[in-house]
Amino acid sequence: MLSQTARKTAGAMKTYSPDTAGSTPMWFTYIQLPGANAAVLRAVEFGRKILNEPVDVPKMSRMAVIDHPEGPPFGLATPISQGGR
C-alpha cells in the first residue's frame, strides 16, 4: 500500500502469474468501498458482468473485478480493517 501521511491512498504489487510473463506494465483501478460482496450483487442487478468473484487477499482486503460498459474493467475492494466483506 502507498500512503499519503497516515492515509492509504493507493497500492502497487508485482505480478506473479506466469500468464503475464513478458507483458507490459499497466495500471488497474480499485474502488474502495464498505462492502465488496454487496457491491458485486448490486452490479449484477445493473447488468454488469463479474470478471473475478470476490476473493480474500490475505492481510489486505476482499476484492472483485467487474466490467465497465464504456471502458476498461475495474476492481472493488473492502479493506480487512473494515470487515472485508
C-alpha atoms as a PDB file:
ATOM      1  CA  MET A   1       0.000   0.000   0.000  1.00  0.00           C
ATOM      2  CA  LEU A   2       1.108   3.524  -0.713  1.00  0.00           C
ATOM      3  CA  SER A   3       0.263   6.227   1.785  1.00  0.00           C
ATOM      4  CA  GLN A   4      -0.155   9.952   1.959  1.00  0.00           C
ATOM      5  CA  THR A   5       0.577  10.805   5.600  1.00  0.00           C
ATOM      6  CA  ALA A   6      -1.236   8.083   7.611  1.00  0.00           C
ATOM      7  CA  ARG A   7      -3.955   7.536   4.987  1.00  0.00           C
ATOM      8  CA  LYS A   8      -3.583   4.683   2.497  1.00  0.00           C
ATOM      9  CA  THR A   9      -4.186   6.138  -0.950  1.00  0.00           C
ATOM     10  CA  ALA A  10      -3.007   3.581  -3.485  1.00  0.00           C
ATOM     11  CA  GLY A  11      -1.482   0.174  -3.913  1.00  0.00           C
ATOM     12  CA  ALA A  12       1.081  -1.451  -6.124  1.00  0.00           C
ATOM     13  CA  MET A  13       2.102  -5.054  -6.465  1.00  0.00           C
ATOM     14  CA  LYS A  14       4.276  -7.310  -8.535  1.00  0.00           C
ATOM     15  CA  THR A  15       2.563  -9.641 -10.990  1.00  0.00           C
ATOM     16  CA  TYR A  16       3.333 -13.246 -10.121  1.00  0.00           C
ATOM     17  CA  SER A  17       1.293 -15.071 -12.749  1.00  0.00           C
ATOM     18  CA  PRO A  18       3.186 -16.940 -15.471  1.00  0.00           C
ATOM     19  CA  ASP A  19       0.349 -15.878 -17.801  1.00  0.00           C
ATOM     20  CA  THR A  20       1.635 -12.303 -17.669  1.00  0.00           C
ATOM     21  CA  ALA A  21       5.294 -13.066 -18.399  1.00  0.00           C
ATOM     22  CA  GLY A  22       6.586 -10.568 -20.930  1.00  0.00           C
ATOM     23  CA  SER A  23       3.577  -8.273 -20.665  1.00  0.00           C
ATOM     24  CA  THR A  24       3.981  -4.539 -20.315  1.00  0.00           C
ATOM     25  CA  PRO A  25       3.355  -2.733 -17.007  1.00  0.00           C
ATOM     26  CA  MET A  26      -0.155  -1.373 -16.555  1.00  0.00           C
ATOM     27  CA  TRP A  27      -2.472   0.434 -14.158  1.00  0.00           C
ATOM     28  CA  PHE A  28      -5.597  -1.092 -12.708  1.00  0.00           C
ATOM     29  CA  THR A  29      -8.153   0.834 -10.684  1.00  0.00           C
ATOM     30  CA  TYR A  30      -9.763  -0.458  -7.500  1.00  0.00           C
ATOM     31  CA  ILE A  31     -12.553   1.464  -5.822  1.00  0.00           C
ATOM     32  CA  GLN A  32     -12.546   1.131  -2.046  1.00  0.00           C
ATOM     33  CA  LEU A  33     -15.984   0.741  -0.505  1.00  0.00           C
ATOM     34  CA  PRO A  34     -17.504  -0.628   2.687  1.00  0.00           C
ATOM     35  CA  GLY A  35     -18.937  -3.870   1.238  1.00  0.00           C
ATOM     36  CA  ALA A  36     -17.402  -5.578  -1.803  1.00  0.00           C
ATOM     37  CA  ASN A  37     -19.832  -8.504  -1.703  1.00  0.00           C
ATOM     38  CA  ALA A  38     -22.916  -6.263  -1.635  1.00  0.00           C
ATOM     39  CA  ALA A  39     -21.466  -4.036  -4.360  1.00  0.00           C
ATOM     40  CA  VAL A  40     -20.926  -7.051  -6.629  1.00  0.00           C
ATOM     41  CA  LEU A  41     -24.543  -8.161  -6.138  1.00  0.00           C
ATOM     42  CA  ARG A  42     -25.714  -4.633  -6.935  1.00  0.00           C
ATOM     43  CA  ALA A  43     -23.530  -4.503 -10.066  1.00  0.00           C
ATOM     44  CA  VAL A  44     -25.151  -7.741 -11.289  1.00  0.00           C
ATOM     45  CA  GLU A  45     -28.591  -6.174 -10.730  1.00  0.00           C
ATOM     46  CA  PHE A  46     -27.492  -3.403 -13.112  1.00  0.00           C
ATOM     47  CA  GLY A  47     -26.390  -5.915 -15.736  1.00  0.00           C
ATOM     48  CA  ARG A  48     -22.655  -5.867 -15.136  1.00  0.00           C
ATOM     49  CA  LYS A  49     -20.549  -8.965 -15.735  1.00  0.00           C
ATOM     50  CA  ILE A  50     -18.385 -10.207 -12.865  1.00  0.00           C
ATOM     51  CA  LEU A  51     -14.911 -10.936 -14.204  1.00  0.00           C
ATOM     52  CA  ASN A  52     -13.465 -12.089 -10.858  1.00  0.00           C
ATOM     53  CA  GLU A  53     -15.756 -13.069  -7.985  1.00  0.00           C
ATOM     54  CA  PRO A  54     -14.971 -11.557  -4.561  1.00  0.00           C
ATOM     55  CA  VAL A  55     -11.879 -13.141  -3.053  1.00  0.00           C
ATOM     56  CA  ASP A  56      -9.942 -12.503   0.150  1.00  0.00           C
ATOM     57  CA  VAL A  57      -6.424 -11.151  -0.304  1.00  0.00           C
ATOM     58  CA  PRO A  58      -4.628 -12.094   2.947  1.00  0.00           C
ATOM     59  CA  LYS A  59      -3.849  -9.169   5.264  1.00  0.00           C
ATOM     60  CA  MET A  60      -5.234  -6.676   2.722  1.00  0.00           C
ATOM     61  CA  SER A  61      -8.830  -6.769   1.565  1.00  0.00           C
ATOM     62  CA  ARG A  62     -11.670  -8.533  -0.174  1.00  0.00           C
ATOM     63  CA  MET A  63     -11.554  -7.786  -3.911  1.00  0.00           C
ATOM     64  CA  ALA A  64     -13.626  -8.376  -7.033  1.00  0.00           C
ATOM     65  CA  VAL A  65     -13.376  -7.231 -10.659  1.00  0.00           C
ATOM     66  CA  ILE A  66     -16.346  -6.181 -12.799  1.00  0.00           C
ATOM     67  CA  ASP A  67     -16.706  -4.996 -16.377  1.00  0.00           C
ATOM     68  CA  HIS A  68     -17.491  -1.432 -17.376  1.00  0.00           C
ATOM     69  CA  PRO A  69     -19.864  -0.685 -20.256  1.00  0.00           C
ATOM     70  CA  GLU A  70     -17.776   2.181 -21.642  1.00  0.00           C
ATOM     71  CA  GLY A  71     -14.213   1.346 -20.740  1.00  0.00           C
ATOM     72  CA  PRO A  72     -11.787  -0.974 -19.004  1.00  0.00           C
ATOM     73  CA  PRO A  73     -12.853  -3.211 -16.118  1.00  0.00           C
ATOM     74  CA  PHE A  74     -12.271  -2.064 -12.552  1.00  0.00           C
ATOM     75  CA  GLY A  75     -11.946  -3.578  -9.125  1.00  0.00           C
ATOM     76  CA  LEU A  76     -13.935  -3.238  -5.928  1.00  0.00           C
ATOM     77  CA  ALA A  77     -12.136  -3.618  -2.609  1.00  0.00           C
ATOM     78  CA  THR A  78     -13.086  -3.637   1.056  1.00  0.00           C
ATOM     79  CA  PRO A  79     -10.128  -3.448   3.452  1.00  0.00           C
ATOM     80  CA  ILE A  80      -9.843  -6.165   6.093  1.00  0.00           C
ATOM     81  CA  SER A  81      -9.845  -3.344   8.656  1.00  0.00           C
ATOM     82  CA  GLN A  82     -13.431  -2.532   7.528  1.00  0.00           C
ATOM     83  CA  GLY A  83     -14.652  -6.101   7.808  1.00  0.00           C
ATOM     84  CA  GLY A  84     -13.503  -7.178   4.359  1.00  0.00           C
ATOM     85  CA  ARG A  85     -16.956  -8.241   3.172  1.00  0.00           C
END
